[in-house]
PDB file of N, CA and C in Angstrom:
ATOM      1  N   UNK A   1     183.237 175.888 -65.817  1.00  0.00           N
ATOM      2  CA  UNK A   1     182.752 176.015 -67.166  1.00  0.00           C
ATOM      3  C   UNK A   1     183.838 175.589 -68.139  1.00  0.00           C
ATOM      4  N   UNK A   2     183.445 175.236 -69.342  1.00  0.00           N
ATOM      5  CA  UNK A   2     184.391 174.829 -70.381  1.00  0.00           C
ATOM      6  C   UNK A   2     184.448 175.867 -71.486  1.00  0.00           C
ATOM      7  N   UNK A   3     185.629 176.031 -72.055  1.00  0.00           N
ATOM      8  CA  UNK A   3     185.790 176.876 -73.237  1.00  0.00           C
ATOM      9  C   UNK A   3     186.420 176.035 -74.340  1.00  0.00           C
ATOM     10  N   UNK A   4     186.155 176.399 -75.582  1.00  0.00           N
ATOM     11  CA  UNK A   4     186.743 175.717 -76.729  1.00  0.00           C
ATOM     12  C   UNK A   4     187.927 176.531 -77.215  1.00  0.00           C
ATOM     13  N   UNK A   5     189.059 175.864 -77.375  1.00  0.00           N
ATOM     14  CA  UNK A   5     190.279 176.531 -77.805  1.00  0.00           C
ATOM     15  C   UNK A   5     190.779 175.890 -79.096  1.00  0.00           C
ATOM     16  N   UNK A   6     191.206 176.758 -80.028  1.00  0.00           N
ATOM     17  CA  UNK A   6     191.867 176.310 -81.250  1.00  0.00           C
ATOM     18  C   UNK A   6     193.238 176.964 -81.284  1.00  0.00           C
ATOM     19  N   UNK A   7     194.263 176.167 -81.512  1.00  0.00           N
ATOM     20  CA  UNK A   7     195.609 176.707 -81.634  1.00  0.00           C
ATOM     21  C   UNK A   7     196.172 176.332 -83.002  1.00  0.00           C
ATOM     22  N   UNK A   8     196.695 177.324 -83.673  1.00  0.00           N
ATOM     23  CA  UNK A   8     197.346 177.143 -84.963  1.00  0.00           C
ATOM     24  C   UNK A   8     198.843 177.252 -84.699  1.00  0.00           C
ATOM     25  N   UNK A   9     199.534 176.149 -84.940  1.00  0.00           N
ATOM     26  CA  UNK A   9     200.946 176.046 -84.574  1.00  0.00           C
ATOM     27  C   UNK A   9     201.799 175.682 -85.774  1.00  0.00           C
ATOM     28  N   UNK A  10     203.102 175.814 -85.590  1.00  0.00           N
ATOM     29  CA  UNK A  10     204.069 175.431 -86.605  1.00  0.00           C
ATOM     30  C   UNK A  10     205.180 174.670 -85.896  1.00  0.00           C
ATOM     31  N   UNK A  11     205.509 173.501 -86.411  1.00  0.00           N
ATOM     32  CA  UNK A  11     206.610 172.710 -85.851  1.00  0.00           C
ATOM     33  C   UNK A  11     207.132 171.759 -86.915  1.00  0.00           C
ATOM     34  N   UNK A  12     208.426 171.584 -86.918  1.00  0.00           N
ATOM     35  CA  UNK A  12     209.078 170.655 -87.851  1.00  0.00           C
ATOM     36  C   UNK A  12     208.673 170.924 -89.295  1.00  0.00           C
ATOM     37  N   UNK A  13     208.575 172.218 -89.644  1.00  0.00           N
ATOM     38  CA  UNK A  13     208.271 172.606 -91.016  1.00  0.00           C
ATOM     39  C   UNK A  13     206.820 172.455 -91.426  1.00  0.00           C
ATOM     40  N   UNK A  14     205.935 172.180 -90.479  1.00  0.00           N
ATOM     41  CA  UNK A  14     204.534 171.939 -90.796  1.00  0.00           C
ATOM     42  C   UNK A  14     203.619 172.814 -89.952  1.00  0.00           C
ATOM     43  N   UNK A  15     202.589 173.366 -90.594  1.00  0.00           N
ATOM     44  CA  UNK A  15     201.560 174.097 -89.850  1.00  0.00           C
ATOM     45  C   UNK A  15     200.457 173.115 -89.494  1.00  0.00           C
ATOM     46  N   UNK A  16     199.905 173.241 -88.286  1.00  0.00           N
ATOM     47  CA  UNK A  16     198.820 172.348 -87.903  1.00  0.00           C
ATOM     48  C   UNK A  16     197.892 173.022 -86.906  1.00  0.00           C
ATOM     49  N   UNK A  17     196.716 172.450 -86.793  1.00  0.00           N
ATOM     50  CA  UNK A  17     195.671 172.950 -85.904  1.00  0.00           C
ATOM     51  C   UNK A  17     195.378 171.902 -84.846  1.00  0.00           C
ATOM     52  N   UNK A  18     195.255 172.354 -83.606  1.00  0.00           N
ATOM     53  CA  UNK A  18     194.798 171.495 -82.510  1.00  0.00           C
ATOM     54  C   UNK A  18     193.608 172.209 -81.881  1.00  0.00           C
ATOM     55  N   UNK A  19     192.592 171.457 -81.515  1.00  0.00           N
ATOM     56  CA  UNK A  19     191.447 172.085 -80.841  1.00  0.00           C
ATOM     57  C   UNK A  19     190.934 171.164 -79.753  1.00  0.00           C
ATOM     58  N   UNK A  20     190.299 171.786 -78.765  1.00  0.00           N
ATOM     59  CA  UNK A  20     189.767 171.008 -77.666  1.00  0.00           C
ATOM     60  C   UNK A  20     188.939 171.866 -76.734  1.00  0.00           C
ATOM     61  N   UNK A  21     188.302 171.210 -75.779  1.00  0.00           N
ATOM     62  CA  UNK A  21     187.481 171.874 -74.781  1.00  0.00           C
ATOM     63  C   UNK A  21     188.189 171.769 -73.436  1.00  0.00           C
ATOM     64  N   UNK A  22     188.242 172.900 -72.708  1.00  0.00           N
ATOM     65  CA  UNK A  22     189.015 172.946 -71.473  1.00  0.00           C
ATOM     66  C   UNK A  22     188.227 173.581 -70.339  1.00  0.00           C
ATOM     67  N   UNK A  23     188.347 173.014 -69.137  1.00  0.00           N
ATOM     68  CA  UNK A  23     187.681 173.617 -67.974  1.00  0.00           C
ATOM     69  C   UNK A  23     188.461 174.835 -67.486  1.00  0.00           C
ATOM     70  N   UNK A  24     187.737 175.880 -67.144  1.00  0.00           N
ATOM     71  CA  UNK A  24     188.345 177.067 -66.533  1.00  0.00           C
ATOM     72  C   UNK A  24     187.501 177.464 -65.334  1.00  0.00           C
ATOM     73  N   UNK A  25     188.123 178.085 -64.326  1.00  0.00           N
ATOM     74  CA  UNK A  25     187.351 178.514 -63.154  1.00  0.00           C
ATOM     75  C   UNK A  25     186.318 179.576 -63.535  1.00  0.00           C
ATOM     76  N   UNK A  26     185.075 179.353 -63.152  1.00  0.00           N
ATOM     77  CA  UNK A  26     183.972 180.265 -63.469  1.00  0.00           C
ATOM     78  C   UNK A  26     184.244 181.694 -63.028  1.00  0.00           C
ATOM     79  N   UNK A  27     184.659 181.870 -61.789  1.00  0.00           N
ATOM     80  CA  UNK A  27     184.879 183.214 -61.246  1.00  0.00           C
ATOM     81  C   UNK A  27     185.974 183.949 -62.012  1.00  0.00           C
ATOM     82  N   UNK A  28     187.070 183.250 -62.316  1.00  0.00           N
ATOM     83  CA  UNK A  28     188.168 183.867 -63.065  1.00  0.00           C
ATOM     84  C   UNK A  28     187.709 184.268 -64.460  1.00  0.00           C
ATOM     85  N   UNK A  29     186.944 183.377 -65.094  1.00  0.00           N
ATOM     86  CA  UNK A  29     186.491 183.652 -66.459  1.00  0.00           C
ATOM     87  C   UNK A  29     185.556 184.860 -66.493  1.00  0.00           C
ATOM     88  N   UNK A  30     184.704 184.987 -65.484  1.00  0.00           N
ATOM     89  CA  UNK A  30     183.784 186.132 -65.451  1.00  0.00           C
ATOM     90  C   UNK A  30     184.542 187.443 -65.278  1.00  0.00           C
ATOM     91  N   UNK A  31     185.627 187.427 -64.477  1.00  0.00           N
ATOM     92  CA  UNK A  31     186.415 188.638 -64.242  1.00  0.00           C
ATOM     93  C   UNK A  31     187.269 189.007 -65.451  1.00  0.00           C
ATOM     94  N   UNK A  32     188.012 188.030 -65.946  1.00  0.00           N
ATOM     95  CA  UNK A  32     188.955 188.269 -67.041  1.00  0.00           C
ATOM     96  C   UNK A  32     188.913 187.102 -68.025  1.00  0.00           C
ATOM     97  N   UNK A  33     187.898 187.076 -68.883  1.00  0.00           N
ATOM     98  CA  UNK A  33     187.746 185.922 -69.779  1.00  0.00           C
ATOM     99  C   UNK A  33     188.937 185.685 -70.706  1.00  0.00           C
ATOM    100  N   UNK A  34     189.455 186.738 -71.326  1.00  0.00           N
ATOM    101  CA  UNK A  34     190.561 186.554 -72.264  1.00  0.00           C
ATOM    102  C   UNK A  34     191.812 186.035 -71.564  1.00  0.00           C
ATOM    103  N   UNK A  35     192.146 186.617 -70.413  1.00  0.00           N
ATOM    104  CA  UNK A  35     193.347 186.199 -69.704  1.00  0.00           C
ATOM    105  C   UNK A  35     193.209 184.770 -69.184  1.00  0.00           C
ATOM    106  N   UNK A  36     192.034 184.420 -68.663  1.00  0.00           N
ATOM    107  CA  UNK A  36     191.792 183.060 -68.166  1.00  0.00           C
ATOM    108  C   UNK A  36     191.928 182.049 -69.301  1.00  0.00           C
ATOM    109  N   UNK A  37     191.379 182.386 -70.461  1.00  0.00           N
ATOM    110  CA  UNK A  37     191.494 181.506 -71.630  1.00  0.00           C
ATOM    111  C   UNK A  37     192.940 181.408 -72.094  1.00  0.00           C
ATOM    112  N   UNK A  38     193.667 182.514 -72.048  1.00  0.00           N
ATOM    113  CA  UNK A  38     195.067 182.518 -72.482  1.00  0.00           C
ATOM    114  C   UNK A  38     195.922 181.599 -71.610  1.00  0.00           C
ATOM    115  N   UNK A  39     195.682 181.620 -70.313  1.00  0.00           N
ATOM    116  CA  UNK A  39     196.444 180.753 -69.408  1.00  0.00           C
ATOM    117  C   UNK A  39     196.167 179.282 -69.717  1.00  0.00           C
ATOM    118  N   UNK A  40     194.890 178.940 -69.910  1.00  0.00           N
ATOM    119  CA  UNK A  40     194.533 177.555 -70.245  1.00  0.00           C
ATOM    120  C   UNK A  40     195.179 177.144 -71.567  1.00  0.00           C
ATOM    121  N   UNK A  41     195.132 178.031 -72.549  1.00  0.00           N
ATOM    122  CA  UNK A  41     195.726 177.735 -73.854  1.00  0.00           C
ATOM    123  C   UNK A  41     197.235 177.563 -73.750  1.00  0.00           C
ATOM    124  N   UNK A  42     197.885 178.450 -73.013  1.00  0.00           N
ATOM    125  CA  UNK A  42     199.334 178.376 -72.856  1.00  0.00           C
ATOM    126  C   UNK A  42     199.762 177.043 -72.228  1.00  0.00           C
ATOM    127  N   UNK A  43     199.065 176.642 -71.177  1.00  0.00           N
ATOM    128  CA  UNK A  43     199.393 175.377 -70.513  1.00  0.00           C
ATOM    129  C   UNK A  43     199.237 174.199 -71.472  1.00  0.00           C
ATOM    130  N   UNK A  44     198.192 174.242 -72.279  1.00  0.00           N
ATOM    131  CA  UNK A  44     197.964 173.164 -73.247  1.00  0.00           C
ATOM    132  C   UNK A  44     199.041 173.183 -74.330  1.00  0.00           C
ATOM    133  N   UNK A  45     199.403 174.365 -74.801  1.00  0.00           N
ATOM    134  CA  UNK A  45     200.430 174.478 -75.836  1.00  0.00           C
ATOM    135  C   UNK A  45     201.753 173.917 -75.328  1.00  0.00           C
ATOM    136  N   UNK A  46     202.053 174.112 -74.052  1.00  0.00           N
ATOM    137  CA  UNK A  46     203.287 173.552 -73.496  1.00  0.00           C
ATOM    138  C   UNK A  46     203.270 172.027 -73.570  1.00  0.00           C
ATOM    139  N   UNK A  47     202.125 171.424 -73.340  1.00  0.00           N
ATOM    140  CA  UNK A  47     201.998 169.963 -73.458  1.00  0.00           C
ATOM    141  C   UNK A  47     202.212 169.531 -74.904  1.00  0.00           C
ATOM    142  N   UNK A  48     201.603 170.270 -75.834  1.00  0.00           N
ATOM    143  CA  UNK A  48     201.764 169.948 -77.261  1.00  0.00           C
ATOM    144  C   UNK A  48     203.239 170.079 -77.646  1.00  0.00           C
ATOM    145  N   UNK A  49     203.864 171.154 -77.203  1.00  0.00           N
ATOM    146  CA  UNK A  49     205.273 171.403 -77.518  1.00  0.00           C
ATOM    147  C   UNK A  49     206.142 170.259 -77.026  1.00  0.00           C
ATOM    148  N   UNK A  50     205.879 169.773 -75.829  1.00  0.00           N
ATOM    149  CA  UNK A  50     206.648 168.646 -75.288  1.00  0.00           C
ATOM    150  C   UNK A  50     206.458 167.386 -76.126  1.00  0.00           C
ATOM    151  N   UNK A  51     205.273 167.190 -76.668  1.00  0.00           N
ATOM    152  CA  UNK A  51     204.998 166.025 -77.519  1.00  0.00           C
ATOM    153  C   UNK A  51     205.759 166.097 -78.841  1.00  0.00           C
ATOM    154  N   UNK A  52     206.089 167.303 -79.270  1.00  0.00           N
ATOM    155  CA  UNK A  52     206.828 167.467 -80.520  1.00  0.00           C
ATOM    156  C   UNK A  52     208.327 167.582 -80.279  1.00  0.00           C
ATOM    157  N   UNK A  53     208.778 167.142 -79.139  1.00  0.00           N
ATOM    158  CA  UNK A  53     210.201 167.124 -78.789  1.00  0.00           C
ATOM    159  C   UNK A  53     210.827 168.506 -78.946  1.00  0.00           C
ATOM    160  N   UNK A  54     210.071 169.527 -78.581  1.00  0.00           N
ATOM    161  CA  UNK A  54     210.555 170.913 -78.593  1.00  0.00           C
ATOM    162  C   UNK A  54     211.288 171.249 -79.891  1.00  0.00           C
ATOM    163  N   UNK A  55     210.618 171.058 -80.984  1.00  0.00           N
ATOM    164  CA  UNK A  55     211.152 171.388 -82.303  1.00  0.00           C
ATOM    165  C   UNK A  55     211.717 172.812 -82.298  1.00  0.00           C
ATOM    166  N   UNK A  56     212.880 172.998 -82.913  1.00  0.00           N
ATOM    167  CA  UNK A  56     213.523 174.314 -82.919  1.00  0.00           C
ATOM    168  C   UNK A  56     212.676 175.373 -83.613  1.00  0.00           C
ATOM    169  N   UNK A  57     211.856 174.965 -84.579  1.00  0.00           N
ATOM    170  CA  UNK A  57     211.044 175.947 -85.303  1.00  0.00           C
ATOM    171  C   UNK A  57     209.602 176.028 -84.766  1.00  0.00           C
ATOM    172  N   UNK A  58     209.392 175.508 -83.556  1.00  0.00           N
ATOM    173  CA  UNK A  58     208.049 175.550 -82.955  1.00  0.00           C
ATOM    174  C   UNK A  58     207.626 176.997 -82.731  1.00  0.00           C
ATOM    175  N   UNK A  59     206.425 177.332 -83.209  1.00  0.00           N
ATOM    176  CA  UNK A  59     205.903 178.666 -82.961  1.00  0.00           C
ATOM    177  C   UNK A  59     204.384 178.635 -82.891  1.00  0.00           C
ATOM    178  N   UNK A  60     203.855 179.642 -82.218  1.00  0.00           N
ATOM    179  CA  UNK A  60     202.413 179.828 -82.098  1.00  0.00           C
ATOM    180  C   UNK A  60     201.998 180.828 -83.172  1.00  0.00           C
ATOM    181  N   UNK A  61     201.125 180.409 -84.093  1.00  0.00           N
ATOM    182  CA  UNK A  61     200.662 181.324 -85.137  1.00  0.00           C
ATOM    183  C   UNK A  61     199.393 182.058 -84.718  1.00  0.00           C
ATOM    184  N   UNK A  62     198.445 181.329 -84.143  1.00  0.00           N
ATOM    185  CA  UNK A  62     197.200 181.965 -83.712  1.00  0.00           C
ATOM    186  C   UNK A  62     196.527 181.113 -82.643  1.00  0.00           C
ATOM    187  N   UNK A  63     195.844 181.792 -81.702  1.00  0.00           N
ATOM    188  CA  UNK A  63     195.083 181.107 -80.658  1.00  0.00           C
ATOM    189  C   UNK A  63     193.727 181.797 -80.556  1.00  0.00           C
ATOM    190  N   UNK A  64     192.667 180.986 -80.625  1.00  0.00           N
ATOM    191  CA  UNK A  64     191.303 181.502 -80.591  1.00  0.00           C
ATOM    192  C   UNK A  64     190.499 180.667 -79.604  1.00  0.00           C
ATOM    193  N   UNK A  65     189.627 181.329 -78.839  1.00  0.00           N
ATOM    194  CA  UNK A  65     188.719 180.561 -77.988  1.00  0.00           C
ATOM    195  C   UNK A  65     187.277 180.928 -78.284  1.00  0.00           C
ATOM    196  N   UNK A  66     186.397 179.959 -78.069  1.00  0.00           N
ATOM    197  CA  UNK A  66     184.958 180.096 -78.337  1.00  0.00           C
ATOM    198  C   UNK A  66     184.701 180.720 -79.702  1.00  0.00           C
ATOM    199  N   UNK A  67     185.365 180.201 -80.702  1.00  0.00           N
ATOM    200  CA  UNK A  67     185.205 180.503 -82.128  1.00  0.00           C
ATOM    201  C   UNK A  67     185.794 181.806 -82.627  1.00  0.00           C
ATOM    202  N   UNK A  68     185.628 182.928 -81.917  1.00  0.00           N
ATOM    203  CA  UNK A  68     186.047 184.192 -82.530  1.00  0.00           C
ATOM    204  C   UNK A  68     186.807 185.140 -81.618  1.00  0.00           C
ATOM    205  N   UNK A  69     187.287 184.667 -80.486  1.00  0.00           N
ATOM    206  CA  UNK A  69     188.042 185.523 -79.564  1.00  0.00           C
ATOM    207  C   UNK A  69     189.533 185.238 -79.715  1.00  0.00           C
ATOM    208  N   UNK A  70     190.225 186.106 -80.429  1.00  0.00           N
ATOM    209  CA  UNK A  70     191.655 185.917 -80.693  1.00  0.00           C
ATOM    210  C   UNK A  70     192.468 186.352 -79.467  1.00  0.00           C
ATOM    211  N   UNK A  71     193.206 185.417 -78.906  1.00  0.00           N
ATOM    212  CA  UNK A  71     194.022 185.699 -77.714  1.00  0.00           C
ATOM    213  C   UNK A  71     195.504 185.418 -77.976  1.00  0.00           C
ATOM    214  N   UNK A  72     195.895 185.455 -79.228  1.00  0.00           N
ATOM    215  CA  UNK A  72     197.282 185.134 -79.600  1.00  0.00           C
ATOM    216  C   UNK A  72     198.282 185.980 -78.823  1.00  0.00           C
ATOM    217  N   UNK A  73     198.077 187.290 -78.769  1.00  0.00           N
ATOM    218  CA  UNK A  73     199.029 188.180 -78.090  1.00  0.00           C
ATOM    219  C   UNK A  73     199.124 187.864 -76.607  1.00  0.00           C
ATOM    220  N   UNK A  74     197.981 187.572 -75.975  1.00  0.00           N
ATOM    221  CA  UNK A  74     198.000 187.251 -74.542  1.00  0.00           C
ATOM    222  C   UNK A  74     198.754 185.944 -74.279  1.00  0.00           C
ATOM    223  N   UNK A  75     198.529 184.951 -75.132  1.00  0.00           N
ATOM    224  CA  UNK A  75     199.210 183.660 -74.952  1.00  0.00           C
ATOM    225  C   UNK A  75     200.712 183.850 -75.093  1.00  0.00           C
ATOM    226  N   UNK A  76     201.120 184.659 -76.047  1.00  0.00           N
ATOM    227  CA  UNK A  76     202.560 184.904 -76.229  1.00  0.00           C
ATOM    228  C   UNK A  76     203.137 185.666 -75.036  1.00  0.00           C
ATOM    229  N   UNK A  77     202.339 186.496 -74.376  1.00  0.00           N
ATOM    230  CA  UNK A  77     202.799 187.199 -73.164  1.00  0.00           C
ATOM    231  C   UNK A  77     203.033 186.217 -72.019  1.00  0.00           C
ATOM    232  N   UNK A  78     202.282 185.131 -71.994  1.00  0.00           N
ATOM    233  CA  UNK A  78     202.432 184.133 -70.921  1.00  0.00           C
ATOM    234  C   UNK A  78     203.857 183.595 -70.888  1.00  0.00           C
ATOM    235  N   UNK A  79     204.464 183.453 -72.023  1.00  0.00           N
ATOM    236  CA  UNK A  79     205.805 182.885 -72.063  1.00  0.00           C
ATOM    237  C   UNK A  79     206.903 183.922 -71.919  1.00  0.00           C
ATOM    238  N   UNK A  80     206.511 185.183 -71.903  1.00  0.00           N
ATOM    239  CA  UNK A  80     207.522 186.253 -71.808  1.00  0.00           C
ATOM    240  C   UNK A  80     208.079 186.350 -70.406  1.00  0.00           C
TER     241      UNK A  80
END
């Protein structure tokens, strides 16, 4: 199944939004939808971060999936 993810980020002094649709394993999503979405979002954010040459001020402001499910705290736990 696919989920829609929106990430609100900050890098190089600028705030920006990235959004996209991502495949996630059906069984995992049914068991733990927020955590499954957070892992997909985290992996994507790492790709975005690499594209921005790991800006020193890079930060995650907010992460939402399927329009209204805020998973910002879970995504930040992924990197802890």
